[in-house]
Amino acid sequence: MPLYGYHCATCDKDVELLIRASDTPVCPACGGTALERLVSRVAPEGRSKGLITSARAQAAREGHFSHYGRSERPR
């Protein structure tokens, strides 16, 4: 099921819901059904050298190697 962003006209809140396209969304805050689907933005790829370096440093601090490639993990 895809994750969709909605704006509730009743309580004026933005929510993200994991819902089938065929189902009617319901606002979790007020229970209203007057929801308008928002346009989603595509997430950037996130492959800049600075992001990778900081993610690897955080993983090393936390004691796991999930951000490393197979060839870079300690044996």
PDB file of N, CA and C in Angstrom:
ATOM      1  N   MET A   1       0.845  -1.183   0.000  1.00  0.00           N
ATOM      2  CA  MET A   1       0.000   0.000   0.000  1.00  0.00           C
ATOM      3  C   MET A   1       0.890   1.246   0.000  1.00  0.00           C
ATOM      4  N   PRO A   2       0.524   2.215  -0.795  1.00  0.00           N
ATOM      5  CA  PRO A   2       1.323   3.447  -0.844  1.00  0.00           C
ATOM      6  C   PRO A   2       0.984   4.407   0.296  1.00  0.00           C
ATOM      7  N   LEU A   3       1.910   5.305   0.557  1.00  0.00           N
ATOM      8  CA  LEU A   3       1.740   6.333   1.573  1.00  0.00           C
ATOM      9  C   LEU A   3       1.320   7.620   0.865  1.00  0.00           C
ATOM     10  N   TYR A   4       0.177   8.155   1.238  1.00  0.00           N
ATOM     11  CA  TYR A   4      -0.341   9.374   0.628  1.00  0.00           C
ATOM     12  C   TYR A   4      -0.427  10.487   1.663  1.00  0.00           C
ATOM     13  N   GLY A   5      -0.208  11.715   1.218  1.00  0.00           N
ATOM     14  CA  GLY A   5      -0.386  12.880   2.058  1.00  0.00           C
ATOM     15  C   GLY A   5      -1.758  13.480   1.806  1.00  0.00           C
ATOM     16  N   TYR A   6      -2.441  13.870   2.867  1.00  0.00           N
ATOM     17  CA  TYR A   6      -3.781  14.452   2.766  1.00  0.00           C
ATOM     18  C   TYR A   6      -3.869  15.714   3.612  1.00  0.00           C
ATOM     19  N   HIS A   7      -4.780  16.604   3.199  1.00  0.00           N
ATOM     20  CA  HIS A   7      -5.114  17.790   3.986  1.00  0.00           C
ATOM     21  C   HIS A   7      -6.582  17.669   4.367  1.00  0.00           C
ATOM     22  N   CYS A   8      -6.860  17.760   5.666  1.00  0.00           N
ATOM     23  CA  CYS A   8      -8.234  17.664   6.152  1.00  0.00           C
ATOM     24  C   CYS A   8      -8.855  19.051   6.170  1.00  0.00           C
ATOM     25  N   ALA A   9      -9.967  19.217   5.463  1.00  0.00           N
ATOM     26  CA  ALA A   9     -10.668  20.495   5.406  1.00  0.00           C
ATOM     27  C   ALA A   9     -11.426  20.769   6.714  1.00  0.00           C
ATOM     28  N   THR A  10     -11.765  19.731   7.451  1.00  0.00           N
ATOM     29  CA  THR A  10     -12.529  19.892   8.678  1.00  0.00           C
ATOM     30  C   THR A  10     -11.677  20.457   9.816  1.00  0.00           C
ATOM     31  N   CYS A  11     -10.501  19.849  10.058  1.00  0.00           N
ATOM     32  CA  CYS A  11      -9.669  20.291  11.176  1.00  0.00           C
ATOM     33  C   CYS A  11      -8.394  21.019  10.720  1.00  0.00           C
ATOM     34  N   ASP A  12      -8.206  21.188   9.416  1.00  0.00           N
ATOM     35  CA  ASP A  12      -7.090  21.940   8.836  1.00  0.00           C
ATOM     36  C   ASP A  12      -5.723  21.344   9.197  1.00  0.00           C
ATOM     37  N   LYS A  13      -5.632  20.003   9.216  1.00  0.00           N
ATOM     38  CA  LYS A  13      -4.366  19.329   9.504  1.00  0.00           C
ATOM     39  C   LYS A  13      -3.898  18.567   8.281  1.00  0.00           C
ATOM     40  N   ASP A  14      -2.572  18.433   8.148  1.00  0.00           N
ATOM     41  CA  ASP A  14      -1.980  17.606   7.109  1.00  0.00           C
ATOM     42  C   ASP A  14      -1.576  16.282   7.741  1.00  0.00           C
ATOM     43  N   VAL A  15      -1.927  15.185   7.084  1.00  0.00           N
ATOM     44  CA  VAL A  15      -1.615  13.851   7.592  1.00  0.00           C
ATOM     45  C   VAL A  15      -1.094  12.986   6.454  1.00  0.00           C
ATOM     46  N   GLU A  16      -0.314  11.962   6.801  1.00  0.00           N
ATOM     47  CA  GLU A  16       0.103  10.955   5.849  1.00  0.00           C
ATOM     48  C   GLU A  16      -0.555   9.650   6.243  1.00  0.00           C
ATOM     49  N   LEU A  17      -1.163   8.988   5.266  1.00  0.00           N
ATOM     50  CA  LEU A  17      -1.889   7.751   5.544  1.00  0.00           C
ATOM     51  C   LEU A  17      -1.407   6.649   4.615  1.00  0.00           C
ATOM     52  N   LEU A  18      -1.257   5.474   5.171  1.00  0.00           N
ATOM     53  CA  LEU A  18      -0.933   4.280   4.408  1.00  0.00           C
ATOM     54  C   LEU A  18      -2.268   3.653   4.044  1.00  0.00           C
ATOM     55  N   ILE A  19      -2.682   3.847   2.786  1.00  0.00           N
ATOM     56  CA  ILE A  19      -4.043   3.489   2.404  1.00  0.00           C
ATOM     57  C   ILE A  19      -4.077   3.062   0.938  1.00  0.00           C
ATOM     58  N   ARG A  20      -4.975   2.161   0.631  1.00  0.00           N
ATOM     59  CA  ARG A  20      -5.169   1.771  -0.768  1.00  0.00           C
ATOM     60  C   ARG A  20      -5.861   2.914  -1.506  1.00  0.00           C
ATOM     61  N   ALA A  21      -5.571   3.025  -2.786  1.00  0.00           N
ATOM     62  CA  ALA A  21      -6.174   4.090  -3.590  1.00  0.00           C
ATOM     63  C   ALA A  21      -7.691   3.940  -3.680  1.00  0.00           C
ATOM     64  N   SER A  22      -8.183   2.712  -3.570  1.00  0.00           N
ATOM     65  CA  SER A  22      -9.626   2.478  -3.677  1.00  0.00           C
ATOM     66  C   SER A  22     -10.373   2.747  -2.371  1.00  0.00           C
ATOM     67  N   ASP A  23      -9.667   2.858  -1.239  1.00  0.00           N
ATOM     68  CA  ASP A  23     -10.309   3.105   0.055  1.00  0.00           C
ATOM     69  C   ASP A  23     -10.557   4.599   0.269  1.00  0.00           C
ATOM     70  N   THR A  24     -11.553   4.915   1.084  1.00  0.00           N
ATOM     71  CA  THR A  24     -11.844   6.299   1.440  1.00  0.00           C
ATOM     72  C   THR A  24     -11.028   6.673   2.672  1.00  0.00           C
ATOM     73  N   PRO A  25     -10.174   7.700   2.573  1.00  0.00           N
ATOM     74  CA  PRO A  25      -9.358   8.074   3.732  1.00  0.00           C
ATOM     75  C   PRO A  25     -10.192   8.754   4.813  1.00  0.00           C
ATOM     76  N   VAL A  26      -9.796   8.534   6.068  1.00  0.00           N
ATOM     77  CA  VAL A  26     -10.459   9.138   7.224  1.00  0.00           C
ATOM     78  C   VAL A  26      -9.380   9.846   8.044  1.00  0.00           C
ATOM     79  N   CYS A  27      -9.638  11.081   8.437  1.00  0.00           N
ATOM     80  CA  CYS A  27      -8.689  11.864   9.223  1.00  0.00           C
ATOM     81  C   CYS A  27      -8.522  11.230  10.607  1.00  0.00           C
ATOM     82  N   PRO A  28      -7.281  10.917  11.020  1.00  0.00           N
ATOM     83  CA  PRO A  28      -7.083  10.327  12.339  1.00  0.00           C
ATOM     84  C   PRO A  28      -7.293  11.325  13.481  1.00  0.00           C
ATOM     85  N   ALA A  29      -7.245  12.627  13.199  1.00  0.00           N
ATOM     86  CA  ALA A  29      -7.403  13.642  14.239  1.00  0.00           C
ATOM     87  C   ALA A  29      -8.868  13.890  14.576  1.00  0.00           C
ATOM     88  N   CYS A  30      -9.703  14.037  13.524  1.00  0.00           N
ATOM     89  CA  CYS A  30     -11.094  14.405  13.795  1.00  0.00           C
ATOM     90  C   CYS A  30     -12.114  13.391  13.277  1.00  0.00           C
ATOM     91  N   GLY A  31     -11.673  12.422  12.488  1.00  0.00           N
ATOM     92  CA  GLY A  31     -12.588  11.428  11.950  1.00  0.00           C
ATOM     93  C   GLY A  31     -13.321  11.883  10.706  1.00  0.00           C
ATOM     94  N   GLY A  32     -12.982  13.065  10.193  1.00  0.00           N
ATOM     95  CA  GLY A  32     -13.638  13.585   9.001  1.00  0.00           C
ATOM     96  C   GLY A  32     -13.208  12.864   7.738  1.00  0.00           C
ATOM     97  N   THR A  33     -14.057  12.937   6.715  1.00  0.00           N
ATOM     98  CA  THR A  33     -13.748  12.304   5.440  1.00  0.00           C
ATOM     99  C   THR A  33     -13.534  13.320   4.330  1.00  0.00           C
ATOM    100  N   ALA A  34     -13.507  14.604   4.671  1.00  0.00           N
ATOM    101  CA  ALA A  34     -13.287  15.658   3.675  1.00  0.00           C
ATOM    102  C   ALA A  34     -11.781  15.888   3.516  1.00  0.00           C
ATOM    103  N   LEU A  35     -11.089  14.878   2.964  1.00  0.00           N
ATOM    104  CA  LEU A  35      -9.642  14.945   2.805  1.00  0.00           C
ATOM    105  C   LEU A  35      -9.283  15.178   1.342  1.00  0.00           C
ATOM    106  N   GLU A  36      -8.322  16.044   1.137  1.00  0.00           N
ATOM    107  CA  GLU A  36      -7.832  16.340  -0.204  1.00  0.00           C
ATOM    108  C   GLU A  36      -6.418  15.783  -0.311  1.00  0.00           C
ATOM    109  N   ARG A  37      -6.183  14.963  -1.346  1.00  0.00           N
ATOM    110  CA  ARG A  37      -4.855  14.367  -1.504  1.00  0.00           C
ATOM    111  C   ARG A  37      -3.868  15.424  -1.967  1.00  0.00           C
ATOM    112  N   LEU A  38      -2.698  15.467  -1.310  1.00  0.00           N
ATOM    113  CA  LEU A  38      -1.668  16.446  -1.624  1.00  0.00           C
ATOM    114  C   LEU A  38      -0.706  15.884  -2.663  1.00  0.00           C
ATOM    115  N   VAL A  39      -0.079  16.775  -3.404  1.00  0.00           N
ATOM    116  CA  VAL A  39       0.926  16.381  -4.379  1.00  0.00           C
ATOM    117  C   VAL A  39       2.205  16.035  -3.619  1.00  0.00           C
ATOM    118  N   SER A  40       2.756  14.880  -3.896  1.00  0.00           N
ATOM    119  CA  SER A  40       3.973  14.435  -3.217  1.00  0.00           C
ATOM    120  C   SER A  40       5.202  14.858  -4.004  1.00  0.00           C
ATOM    121  N   ARG A  41       6.253  15.151  -3.271  1.00  0.00           N
ATOM    122  CA  ARG A  41       7.529  15.474  -3.903  1.00  0.00           C
ATOM    123  C   ARG A  41       8.395  14.219  -3.939  1.00  0.00           C
ATOM    124  N   VAL A  42       9.213  14.144  -4.946  1.00  0.00           N
ATOM    125  CA  VAL A  42      10.148  13.036  -5.054  1.00  0.00           C
ATOM    126  C   VAL A  42      11.323  13.319  -4.129  1.00  0.00           C
ATOM    127  N   ALA A  43      11.698  12.344  -3.336  1.00  0.00           N
ATOM    128  CA  ALA A  43      12.829  12.517  -2.416  1.00  0.00           C
ATOM    129  C   ALA A  43      14.133  12.520  -3.206  1.00  0.00           C
ATOM    130  N   PRO A  44      15.072  13.382  -2.824  1.00  0.00           N
ATOM    131  CA  PRO A  44      16.370  13.390  -3.516  1.00  0.00           C
ATOM    132  C   PRO A  44      17.112  12.090  -3.247  1.00  0.00           C
ATOM    133  N   GLU A  45      18.008  11.765  -4.133  1.00  0.00           N
ATOM    134  CA  GLU A  45      18.720  10.500  -4.041  1.00  0.00           C
ATOM    135  C   GLU A  45      19.587  10.414  -2.795  1.00  0.00           C
ATOM    136  N   GLY A  46      20.196  11.521  -2.354  1.00  0.00           N
ATOM    137  CA  GLY A  46      20.952  11.530  -1.113  1.00  0.00           C
ATOM    138  C   GLY A  46      22.300  10.856  -1.194  1.00  0.00           C
ATOM    139  N   ARG A  47      22.969  11.002  -2.301  1.00  0.00           N
ATOM    140  CA  ARG A  47      24.257  10.346  -2.479  1.00  0.00           C
ATOM    141  C   ARG A  47      25.432  11.313  -2.399  1.00  0.00           C
ATOM    142  N   SER A  48      25.253  12.432  -1.709  1.00  0.00           N
ATOM    143  CA  SER A  48      26.373  13.362  -1.619  1.00  0.00           C
ATOM    144  C   SER A  48      27.405  12.806  -0.651  1.00  0.00           C
ATOM    145  N   LYS A  49      28.649  13.146  -0.882  1.00  0.00           N
ATOM    146  CA  LYS A  49      29.745  12.610  -0.078  1.00  0.00           C
ATOM    147  C   LYS A  49      29.600  12.972   1.403  1.00  0.00           C
ATOM    148  N   GLY A  50      29.149  14.185   1.691  1.00  0.00           N
ATOM    149  CA  GLY A  50      28.981  14.603   3.082  1.00  0.00           C
ATOM    150  C   GLY A  50      27.936  13.791   3.820  1.00  0.00           C
ATOM    151  N   LEU A  51      26.808  13.485   3.169  1.00  0.00           N
ATOM    152  CA  LEU A  51      25.759  12.680   3.793  1.00  0.00           C
ATOM    153  C   LEU A  51      26.237  11.261   4.073  1.00  0.00           C
ATOM    154  N   ILE A  52      26.947  10.691   3.122  1.00  0.00           N
ATOM    155  CA  ILE A  52      27.450   9.334   3.295  1.00  0.00           C
ATOM    156  C   ILE A  52      28.471   9.281   4.429  1.00  0.00           C
ATOM    157  N   THR A  53      29.359  10.269   4.478  1.00  0.00           N
ATOM    158  CA  THR A  53      30.383  10.303   5.525  1.00  0.00           C
ATOM    159  C   THR A  53      29.752  10.421   6.905  1.00  0.00           C
ATOM    160  N   SER A  54      28.768  11.313   7.047  1.00  0.00           N
ATOM    161  CA  SER A  54      28.142  11.480   8.362  1.00  0.00           C
ATOM    162  C   SER A  54      27.313  10.251   8.749  1.00  0.00           C
ATOM    163  N   ALA A  55      26.660   9.608   7.792  1.00  0.00           N
ATOM    164  CA  ALA A  55      25.880   8.399   8.088  1.00  0.00           C
ATOM    165  C   ALA A  55      26.799   7.267   8.526  1.00  0.00           C
ATOM    166  N   ARG A  56      27.959   7.150   7.881  1.00  0.00           N
ATOM    167  CA  ARG A  56      28.909   6.104   8.263  1.00  0.00           C
ATOM    168  C   ARG A  56      29.492   6.374   9.645  1.00  0.00           C
ATOM    169  N   ALA A  57      29.762   7.632   9.945  1.00  0.00           N
ATOM    170  CA  ALA A  57      30.290   7.975  11.263  1.00  0.00           C
ATOM    171  C   ALA A  57      29.267   7.669  12.354  1.00  0.00           C
ATOM    172  N   GLN A  58      27.999   7.981  12.104  1.00  0.00           N
ATOM    173  CA  GLN A  58      26.945   7.682  13.078  1.00  0.00           C
ATOM    174  C   GLN A  58      26.801   6.175  13.257  1.00  0.00           C
ATOM    175  N   ALA A  59      26.860   5.418  12.167  1.00  0.00           N
ATOM    176  CA  ALA A  59      26.747   3.959  12.260  1.00  0.00           C
ATOM    177  C   ALA A  59      27.892   3.377  13.071  1.00  0.00           C
ATOM    178  N   ALA A  60      29.092   3.906  12.867  1.00  0.00           N
ATOM    179  CA  ALA A  60      30.250   3.420  13.626  1.00  0.00           C
ATOM    180  C   ALA A  60      30.101   3.745  15.115  1.00  0.00           C
ATOM    181  N   ARG A  61      29.576   4.948  15.427  1.00  0.00           N
ATOM    182  CA  ARG A  61      29.356   5.321  16.831  1.00  0.00           C
ATOM    183  C   ARG A  61      28.336   4.405  17.493  1.00  0.00           C
ATOM    184  N   GLU A  62      27.329   4.004  16.722  1.00  0.00           N
ATOM    185  CA  GLU A  62      26.265   3.153  17.260  1.00  0.00           C
ATOM    186  C   GLU A  62      26.642   1.677  17.247  1.00  0.00           C
ATOM    187  N   GLY A  63      27.780   1.352  16.655  1.00  0.00           N
ATOM    188  CA  GLY A  63      28.267  -0.024  16.681  1.00  0.00           C
ATOM    189  C   GLY A  63      27.712  -0.940  15.617  1.00  0.00           C
ATOM    190  N   HIS A  64      27.165  -0.400  14.532  1.00  0.00           N
ATOM    191  CA  HIS A  64      26.713  -1.272  13.451  1.00  0.00           C
ATOM    192  C   HIS A  64      27.279  -0.775  12.130  1.00  0.00           C
ATOM    193  N   PHE A  65      27.208  -1.599  11.119  1.00  0.00           N
ATOM    194  CA  PHE A  65      27.831  -1.291   9.843  1.00  0.00           C
ATOM    195  C   PHE A  65      26.807  -1.306   8.711  1.00  0.00           C
ATOM    196  N   SER A  66      25.569  -0.920   8.986  1.00  0.00           N
ATOM    197  CA  SER A  66      24.513  -1.001   7.985  1.00  0.00           C
ATOM    198  C   SER A  66      24.707  -0.027   6.837  1.00  0.00           C
ATOM    199  N   HIS A  67      25.488   1.040   7.040  1.00  0.00           N
ATOM    200  CA  HIS A  67      25.674   2.022   5.979  1.00  0.00           C
ATOM    201  C   HIS A  67      26.900   1.728   5.114  1.00  0.00           C
ATOM    202  N   TYR A  68      27.569   0.629   5.356  1.00  0.00           N
ATOM    203  CA  TYR A  68      28.755   0.269   4.593  1.00  0.00           C
ATOM    204  C   TYR A  68      28.408  -0.762   3.529  1.00  0.00           C
ATOM    205  N   GLY A  69      29.150  -0.740   2.434  1.00  0.00           N
ATOM    206  CA  GLY A  69      28.997  -1.753   1.407  1.00  0.00           C
ATOM    207  C   GLY A  69      29.595  -3.062   1.890  1.00  0.00           C
ATOM    208  N   ARG A  70      29.264  -4.169   1.227  1.00  0.00           N
ATOM    209  CA  ARG A  70      29.774  -5.485   1.648  1.00  0.00           C
ATOM    210  C   ARG A  70      31.292  -5.515   1.668  1.00  0.00           C
ATOM    211  N   SER A  71      31.939  -4.904   0.688  1.00  0.00           N
ATOM    212  CA  SER A  71      33.397  -4.953   0.626  1.00  0.00           C
ATOM    213  C   SER A  71      34.043  -4.087   1.711  1.00  0.00           C
ATOM    214  N   GLU A  72      33.305  -3.139   2.290  1.00  0.00           N
ATOM    215  CA  GLU A  72      33.851  -2.249   3.301  1.00  0.00           C
ATOM    216  C   GLU A  72      33.615  -2.734   4.731  1.00  0.00           C
ATOM    217  N   ARG A  73      32.792  -3.724   4.918  1.00  0.00           N
ATOM    218  CA  ARG A  73      32.479  -4.208   6.269  1.00  0.00           C
ATOM    219  C   ARG A  73      33.633  -5.038   6.805  1.00  0.00           C
ATOM    220  N   PRO A  74      33.885  -4.934   8.099  1.00  0.00           N
ATOM    221  CA  PRO A  74      34.947  -5.759   8.680  1.00  0.00           C
ATOM    222  C   PRO A  74      34.564  -7.221   8.649  1.00  0.00           C
ATOM    223  N   ARG A  75      35.536  -8.038   8.521  1.00  0.00           N
ATOM    224  CA  ARG A  75      35.283  -9.487   8.430  1.00  0.00           C
ATOM    225  C   ARG A  75      35.337 -10.145   9.767  1.00  0.00           C
TER     226      ARG A  75
END
